[in-house]
C-alpha atoms as a PDB file:
ATOM      1  CA  MET A   1     102.268  73.018  93.334  1.00  0.00           C
ATOM      2  CA  ASP A   2     106.201  72.299  93.097  1.00  0.00           C
ATOM      3  CA  GLU A   3     107.802  71.300  96.015  1.00  0.00           C
ATOM      4  CA  LYS A   4     108.257  73.957  98.317  1.00  0.00           C
ATOM      5  CA  THR A   5     109.825  74.594 101.947  1.00  0.00           C
ATOM      6  CA  ILE A   6     108.572  76.812 104.712  1.00  0.00           C
ATOM      7  CA  LEU A   7     109.753  78.123 107.890  1.00  0.00           C
ATOM      8  CA  ILE A   8     107.037  79.236 110.680  1.00  0.00           C
ATOM      9  CA  ALA A   9     108.431  81.746 112.970  1.00  0.00           C
ATOM     10  CA  ASP A  10     106.484  82.337 116.230  1.00  0.00           C
ATOM     11  CA  ASP A  11     106.713  82.166 119.842  1.00  0.00           C
ATOM     12  CA  SER A  12     103.585  80.550 120.296  1.00  0.00           C
ATOM     13  CA  ARG A  13     104.271  76.750 119.809  1.00  0.00           C
ATOM     14  CA  ALA A  14     100.480  75.903 119.822  1.00  0.00           C
ATOM     15  CA  LEU A  15     100.343  78.218 116.531  1.00  0.00           C
ATOM     16  CA  THR A  16     103.171  76.837 114.716  1.00  0.00           C
ATOM     17  CA  GLU A  17     102.475  73.572 115.342  1.00  0.00           C
ATOM     18  CA  SER A  18      98.442  74.059 114.219  1.00  0.00           C
ATOM     19  CA  LEU A  19      99.466  75.507 111.068  1.00  0.00           C
ATOM     20  CA  LYS A  20     101.997  73.151 110.701  1.00  0.00           C
ATOM     21  CA  LEU A  21      99.870  70.586 110.586  1.00  0.00           C
ATOM     22  CA  ALA A  22      97.130  72.056 108.587  1.00  0.00           C
ATOM     23  CA  VAL A  23      99.912  73.093 106.181  1.00  0.00           C
ATOM     24  CA  ASN A  24     100.977  69.371 105.647  1.00  0.00           C
ATOM     25  CA  TYR A  25      97.248  68.795 105.099  1.00  0.00           C
ATOM     26  CA  GLN A  26      96.371  71.243 102.701  1.00  0.00           C
ATOM     27  CA  TYR A  27      99.565  71.114 100.692  1.00  0.00           C
ATOM     28  CA  PRO A  28     101.536  67.362 100.713  1.00  0.00           C
ATOM     29  CA  ASN A  29     104.203  68.959  98.849  1.00  0.00           C
ATOM     30  CA  ILE A  30     105.027  71.894 101.045  1.00  0.00           C
ATOM     31  CA  SER A  31     107.790  70.737 103.917  1.00  0.00           C
ATOM     32  CA  VAL A  32     106.765  72.630 106.957  1.00  0.00           C
ATOM     33  CA  GLN A  33     109.843  74.145 109.882  1.00  0.00           C
ATOM     34  CA  VAL A  34     108.991  75.889 112.951  1.00  0.00           C
ATOM     35  CA  ALA A  35     111.007  78.616 115.216  1.00  0.00           C
ATOM     36  CA  SER A  36     109.946  80.067 118.474  1.00  0.00           C
ATOM     37  CA  THR A  37     113.345  82.632 118.762  1.00  0.00           C
ATOM     38  CA  LYS A  38     115.396  84.719 116.373  1.00  0.00           C
ATOM     39  CA  GLU A  39     118.413  82.139 117.149  1.00  0.00           C
ATOM     40  CA  GLU A  40     116.147  79.233 115.933  1.00  0.00           C
ATOM     41  CA  VAL A  41     115.195  81.015 112.952  1.00  0.00           C
ATOM     42  CA  GLU A  42     118.694  81.966 111.974  1.00  0.00           C
ATOM     43  CA  ALA A  43     119.759  78.250 112.398  1.00  0.00           C
ATOM     44  CA  SER A  44     117.095  77.199 110.365  1.00  0.00           C
ATOM     45  CA  MET A  45     118.278  79.212 107.279  1.00  0.00           C
ATOM     46  CA  ASN A  46     121.803  78.659 108.001  1.00  0.00           C
ATOM     47  CA  GLU A  47     121.347  74.863 108.121  1.00  0.00           C
ATOM     48  CA  SER A  48     118.683  74.548 105.250  1.00  0.00           C
ATOM     49  CA  GLU A  49     119.481  74.014 101.633  1.00  0.00           C
ATOM     50  CA  SER A  50     116.520  76.557 100.751  1.00  0.00           C
ATOM     51  CA  ILE A  51     113.804  77.696 102.395  1.00  0.00           C
ATOM     52  CA  ASP A  52     111.432  79.422 100.313  1.00  0.00           C
ATOM     53  CA  LEU A  53     108.914  81.033 102.659  1.00  0.00           C
ATOM     54  CA  VAL A  54     109.069  82.447 106.056  1.00  0.00           C
ATOM     55  CA  LEU A  55     105.454  83.144 107.958  1.00  0.00           C
ATOM     56  CA  LEU A  56     106.577  85.528 110.178  1.00  0.00           C
ATOM     57  CA  ASP A  57     104.980  87.268 113.422  1.00  0.00           C
ATOM     58  CA  ILE A  58     105.735  90.943 114.337  1.00  0.00           C
ATOM     59  CA  GLN A  59     105.682  90.574 118.181  1.00  0.00           C
ATOM     60  CA  PHE A  60     107.532  88.339 120.124  1.00  0.00           C
ATOM     61  CA  LEU A  61     108.262  87.848 123.886  1.00  0.00           C
ATOM     62  CA  SER A  62     111.747  88.914 124.108  1.00  0.00           C
ATOM     63  CA  ASN A  63     112.879  92.780 124.674  1.00  0.00           C
ATOM     64  CA  GLU A  64     115.619  92.445 122.546  1.00  0.00           C
ATOM     65  CA  TYR A  65     114.410  92.164 119.223  1.00  0.00           C
ATOM     66  CA  ASP A  66     110.917  91.815 116.929  1.00  0.00           C
ATOM     67  CA  GLY A  67     109.859  90.370 114.184  1.00  0.00           C
ATOM     68  CA  ILE A  68     110.513  93.423 111.577  1.00  0.00           C
ATOM     69  CA  GLU A  69     114.240  92.955 113.069  1.00  0.00           C
ATOM     70  CA  ILE A  70     114.016  89.615 111.627  1.00  0.00           C
ATOM     71  CA  ALA A  71     112.838  90.097 108.669  1.00  0.00           C
ATOM     72  CA  ARG A  72     115.369  92.193 108.047  1.00  0.00           C
ATOM     73  CA  TRP A  73     118.137  90.323 108.739  1.00  0.00           C
ATOM     74  CA  LEU A  74     116.363  87.669 106.335  1.00  0.00           C
ATOM     75  CA  LYS A  75     115.885  90.213 103.604  1.00  0.00           C
ATOM     76  CA  LYS A  76     119.811  91.162 103.958  1.00  0.00           C
ATOM     77  CA  ASN A  77     121.299  87.709 104.077  1.00  0.00           C
ATOM     78  CA  PHE A  78     118.368  85.589 102.186  1.00  0.00           C
ATOM     79  CA  SER A  79     116.845  87.828  99.867  1.00  0.00           C
ATOM     80  CA  GLU A  80     115.272  85.431  97.486  1.00  0.00           C
ATOM     81  CA  THR A  81     113.078  83.968 100.426  1.00  0.00           C
ATOM     82  CA  LYS A  82     109.590  85.209 100.603  1.00  0.00           C
ATOM     83  CA  ILE A  83     108.542  86.835 104.020  1.00  0.00           C
ATOM     84  CA  LEU A  84     104.526  86.682 105.056  1.00  0.00           C
ATOM     85  CA  MET A  85     104.140  88.605 108.193  1.00  0.00           C
ATOM     86  CA  MET A  86     101.404  88.321 110.602  1.00  0.00           C
ATOM     87  CA  SER A  87     100.491  90.150 113.518  1.00  0.00           C
ATOM     88  CA  GLN A  88      98.345  90.189 116.778  1.00  0.00           C
ATOM     89  CA  TYR A  89      97.519  93.792 116.592  1.00  0.00           C
ATOM     90  CA  VAL A  90      97.136  95.875 113.356  1.00  0.00           C
ATOM     91  CA  LYS A  91      99.029  98.846 113.506  1.00  0.00           C
ATOM     92  CA  SER A  92      98.120 101.782 111.369  1.00  0.00           C
ATOM     93  CA  GLU A  93     102.056 102.232 110.440  1.00  0.00           C
ATOM     94  CA  TYR A  94     103.149  98.858 109.826  1.00  0.00           C
ATOM     95  CA  LYS A  95     101.734  97.784 106.380  1.00  0.00           C
ATOM     96  CA  THR A  96     103.710 100.674 104.627  1.00  0.00           C
ATOM     97  CA  LEU A  97     106.902 100.275 106.707  1.00  0.00           C
ATOM     98  CA  LEU A  98     106.588  96.100 105.749  1.00  0.00           C
ATOM     99  CA  ILE A  99     106.001  96.396 102.300  1.00  0.00           C
ATOM    100  CA  ASN A 100     107.929  99.725 101.095  1.00  0.00           C
ATOM    101  CA  ASP A 101     110.617  99.831 103.586  1.00  0.00           C
ATOM    102  CA  VAL A 102     111.568  96.140 104.539  1.00  0.00           C
ATOM    103  CA  GLY A 103     110.043  94.639 101.438  1.00  0.00           C
ATOM    104  CA  VAL A 104     108.262  91.739 102.852  1.00  0.00           C
ATOM    105  CA  ASN A 105     105.723  89.975 100.406  1.00  0.00           C
ATOM    106  CA  GLY A 106     102.401  89.913 102.946  1.00  0.00           C
ATOM    107  CA  TYR A 107     100.934  91.015 106.080  1.00  0.00           C
ATOM    108  CA  LEU A 108      98.057  89.048 108.023  1.00  0.00           C
ATOM    109  CA  ASP A 109      95.738  89.666 110.793  1.00  0.00           C
ATOM    110  CA  LYS A 110      96.620  86.835 113.259  1.00  0.00           C
ATOM    111  CA  GLN A 111      92.895  86.338 113.444  1.00  0.00           C
ATOM    112  CA  SER A 112      92.002  85.637 110.005  1.00  0.00           C
ATOM    113  CA  SER A 113      90.584  82.416 108.988  1.00  0.00           C
ATOM    114  CA  LEU A 114      92.597  79.239 108.650  1.00  0.00           C
ATOM    115  CA  GLU A 115      91.709  79.236 104.770  1.00  0.00           C
ATOM    116  CA  LEU A 116      93.023  82.895 104.164  1.00  0.00           C
ATOM    117  CA  PHE A 117      96.612  81.671 105.943  1.00  0.00           C
ATOM    118  CA  LEU A 118      96.562  78.824 103.092  1.00  0.00           C
ATOM    119  CA  ASP A 119      95.354  80.531 100.369  1.00  0.00           C
ATOM    120  CA  SER A 120      97.849  83.298 101.092  1.00  0.00           C
ATOM    121  CA  ILE A 121     100.761  80.770 101.768  1.00  0.00           C
ATOM    122  CA  LYS A 122     100.355  79.627  97.980  1.00  0.00           C
ATOM    123  CA  ARG A 123      99.567  83.049  96.536  1.00  0.00           C
ATOM    124  CA  VAL A 124     102.925  84.209  97.975  1.00  0.00           C
ATOM    125  CA  LEU A 125     104.874  81.206  96.805  1.00  0.00           C
ATOM    126  CA  SER A 126     103.372  81.897  93.252  1.00  0.00           C
ATOM    127  CA  GLY A 127     104.869  85.223  93.031  1.00  0.00           C
ATOM    128  CA  GLU A 128     102.042  87.562  94.623  1.00  0.00           C
ATOM    129  CA  THR A 129     102.004  90.247  97.402  1.00  0.00           C
ATOM    130  CA  VAL A 130      99.000  89.377  99.631  1.00  0.00           C
ATOM    131  CA  ILE A 131      97.330  92.028 102.220  1.00  0.00           C
ATOM    132  CA  ASP A 132      94.673  90.896 104.340  1.00  0.00           C
ATOM    133  CA  ARG A 133      91.460  92.933 104.097  1.00  0.00           C
ATOM    134  CA  HIS A 134      91.123  93.016 107.754  1.00  0.00           C
ATOM    135  CA  VAL A 135      94.586  94.927 107.753  1.00  0.00           C
ATOM    136  CA  VAL A 136      93.806  97.302 105.059  1.00  0.00           C
ATOM    137  CA  ASN A 137      90.454  98.127 106.313  1.00  0.00           C
ATOM    138  CA  ALA A 138      91.932  98.567 110.260  1.00  0.00           C
ATOM    139  CA  THR A 139      95.290 100.815 108.634  1.00  0.00           C
ATOM    140  CA  GLN A 140      92.541 103.210 106.542  1.00  0.00           C
ATOM    141  CA  GLY A 141      90.249 103.052 109.876  1.00  0.00           C
ATOM    142  CA  ALA A 142      93.296 104.325 112.030  1.00  0.00           C
ATOM    143  CA  LYS A 143      93.448 107.373 109.508  1.00  0.00           C
ATOM    144  CA  LYS A 144      89.666 107.950 110.205  1.00  0.00           C
ATOM    145  CA  PHE A 145      86.612 106.037 111.401  1.00  0.00           C
ATOM    146  CA  LYS A 146      84.059 107.967 110.009  1.00  0.00           C
ATOM    147  CA  ILE A 147      81.180 107.473 112.083  1.00  0.00           C
ATOM    148  CA  SER A 148      78.276 109.040 113.604  1.00  0.00           C
ATOM    149  CA  ARG A 149      78.077 109.559 117.377  1.00  0.00           C
ATOM    150  CA  ARG A 150      75.031 107.494 117.277  1.00  0.00           C
ATOM    151  CA  GLU A 151      77.042 104.619 115.278  1.00  0.00           C
ATOM    152  CA  LYS A 152      79.662 104.793 117.607  1.00  0.00           C
ATOM    153  CA  ASP A 153      76.863 104.272 120.312  1.00  0.00           C
ATOM    154  CA  VAL A 154      75.599 101.200 118.262  1.00  0.00           C
ATOM    155  CA  LEU A 155      78.945  99.863 118.183  1.00  0.00           C
ATOM    156  CA  GLU A 156      79.629 100.345 121.727  1.00  0.00           C
ATOM    157  CA  LEU A 157      76.381  98.602 122.871  1.00  0.00           C
ATOM    158  CA  LEU A 158      77.138  95.533 120.041  1.00  0.00           C
ATOM    159  CA  GLU A 159      81.070  95.104 121.368  1.00  0.00           C
ATOM    160  CA  VAL A 160      79.300  94.151 124.873  1.00  0.00           C
ATOM    161  CA  GLY A 161      77.040  91.791 123.497  1.00  0.00           C
ATOM    162  CA  GLU A 162      73.240  93.701 123.494  1.00  0.00           C
ATOM    163  CA  SER A 163      70.638  92.516 120.835  1.00  0.00           C
ATOM    164  CA  GLN A 164      69.866  94.957 118.312  1.00  0.00           C
ATOM    165  CA  LYS A 165      66.329  94.865 119.778  1.00  0.00           C
ATOM    166  CA  THR A 166      68.051  95.938 123.233  1.00  0.00           C
ATOM    167  CA  ILE A 167      69.978  98.454 121.779  1.00  0.00           C
ATOM    168  CA  ALA A 168      66.907 100.051 120.197  1.00  0.00           C
ATOM    169  CA  ASN A 169      65.501 100.330 123.564  1.00  0.00           C
ATOM    170  CA  LYS A 170      68.147 101.789 125.168  1.00  0.00           C
ATOM    171  CA  LEU A 171      68.590 104.240 122.505  1.00  0.00           C
ATOM    172  CA  PHE A 172      64.826 105.134 122.189  1.00  0.00           C
ATOM    173  CA  ILE A 173      65.214 104.040 118.284  1.00  0.00           C
ATOM    174  CA  SER A 174      63.799 101.628 116.024  1.00  0.00           C
ATOM    175  CA  PRO A 175      64.944  98.318 115.733  1.00  0.00           C
ATOM    176  CA  ARG A 176      64.782  98.672 112.076  1.00  0.00           C
ATOM    177  CA  THR A 177      67.131 101.812 112.986  1.00  0.00           C
ATOM    178  CA  VAL A 178      69.580  99.654 114.823  1.00  0.00           C
ATOM    179  CA  GLU A 179      69.961  97.580 111.511  1.00  0.00           C
ATOM    180  CA  GLY A 180      70.100 100.075 109.220  1.00  0.00           C
ATOM    181  CA  HIS A 181      72.990 101.804 111.474  1.00  0.00           C
ATOM    182  CA  VAL A 182      74.929  98.439 111.137  1.00  0.00           C
ATOM    183  CA  ARG A 183      73.893  97.723 107.775  1.00  0.00           C
ATOM    184  CA  ASN A 184      75.548 101.287 106.874  1.00  0.00           C
ATOM    185  CA  LEU A 185      78.326 100.268 108.772  1.00  0.00           C
ATOM    186  CA  ARG A 186      79.429  96.939 106.786  1.00  0.00           C
ATOM    187  CA  ASP A 187      78.671  98.272 103.846  1.00  0.00           C
ATOM    188  CA  ARG A 188      81.292 101.972 104.296  1.00  0.00           C
ATOM    189  CA  PHE A 189      83.783  99.536 105.329  1.00  0.00           C
ATOM    190  CA  GLU A 190      83.356  96.689 102.991  1.00  0.00           C
ATOM    191  CA  LEU A 191      82.666  94.239 105.922  1.00  0.00           C
ATOM    192  CA  ARG A 192      80.361  91.106 105.380  1.00  0.00           C
ATOM    193  CA  THR A 193      79.418  90.451 108.916  1.00  0.00           C
ATOM    194  CA  THR A 194      78.468  92.130 111.682  1.00  0.00           C
ATOM    195  CA  ALA A 195      81.290  89.909 113.727  1.00  0.00           C
ATOM    196  CA  GLU A 196      83.701  91.451 110.917  1.00  0.00           C
ATOM    197  CA  LEU A 197      82.768  95.085 111.696  1.00  0.00           C
ATOM    198  CA  LEU A 198      83.067  94.660 115.789  1.00  0.00           C
ATOM    199  CA  VAL A 199      86.736  93.071 115.070  1.00  0.00           C
ATOM    200  CA  PHE A 200      87.399  96.103 112.446  1.00  0.00           C
ATOM    201  CA  TYR A 201      85.919  98.543 115.077  1.00  0.00           C
ATOM    202  CA  THR A 202      87.937  96.803 118.537  1.00  0.00           C
ATOM    203  CA  LYS A 203      91.561  97.013 116.456  1.00  0.00           C
ATOM    204  CA  TYR A 204      90.798 100.546 115.563  1.00  0.00           C
ATOM    205  CA  LYS A 205      90.210 101.264 119.005  1.00  0.00           C
ATOM    206  CA  THR A 206      93.465  98.505 120.035  1.00  0.00           C
ATOM    207  CA  SER A 207      95.705 100.350 117.565  1.00  0.00           C
ATOM    208  CA  PHE A 208      95.203 103.802 118.614  1.00  0.00           C
ATOM    209  CA  ARG A 209      95.983 103.377 122.123  1.00  0.00           C
ATOM    210  CA  GLU A 210      99.079 101.262 121.001  1.00  0.00           C
ATOM    211  CA  ASP A 211     100.638 103.772 118.757  1.00  0.00           C
ATOM    212  CA  GLY A 212     100.392 106.124 121.488  1.00  0.00           C
ATOM    213  CA  ARG A 213      97.698 109.175 120.311  1.00  0.00           C
ATOM    214  CA  GLY A 214      95.775 109.191 123.626  1.00  0.00           C
ATOM    215  CA  SER A 215      93.308 106.610 125.644  1.00  0.00           C
ATOM    216  CA  GLU A 216      90.000 107.375 123.035  1.00  0.00           C
ATOM    217  CA  ALA A 217      90.139 107.555 119.341  1.00  0.00           C
ATOM    218  CA  PRO A 218      88.863 110.064 117.214  1.00  0.00           C
ATOM    219  CA  PHE A 219      85.254 109.741 115.696  1.00  0.00           C
ATOM    220  CA  LEU A 220      83.748 111.663 112.830  1.00  0.00           C
ATOM    221  CA  SER A 221      80.729 113.659 114.919  1.00  0.00           C
END
């Protein structure tokens, strides 16, 4: 990879410094700057000769701006700079807004693996648009999370740490039936592990509440 410069913008210094170390180790040809406020982003962009990519959080502590506003400013003033957004909580409207309206080059779930972050940075710098699979699954799920009431019961018990054997006893079904429900859910939403399934389920419920659509997410009976 040719020499590049990226800017990591997030109000968590621990996160920005950790990502900076990881990028420097994985890609010695990439120079990394960090910023924790909109003002620091603007200063870095104005003072640097060229920043090729901004890895930008959506949520900031400030009530005056968020990452989407910063992304719009970047597109207006530095149209050649690529933007890779990240978010702790996936909301159903973000994917369309960020890609189609704002025109960013990617959207990641902040709880994804470090390997995915590093690979996404490389791919976006190479000209690709990257959408985290968790983002795709969660935004699809926010439209309609198609599960039965029994599957919901199984997920709720898994979410609080119950074993499949305990779930079987509580629901008066066999452990094999519980295993079948979990396997079917993973296959339906193209998830590899039960841990990924629980993350997906939790994010669906969280995004639904944050969108102001009620206290309980809808399910298919």
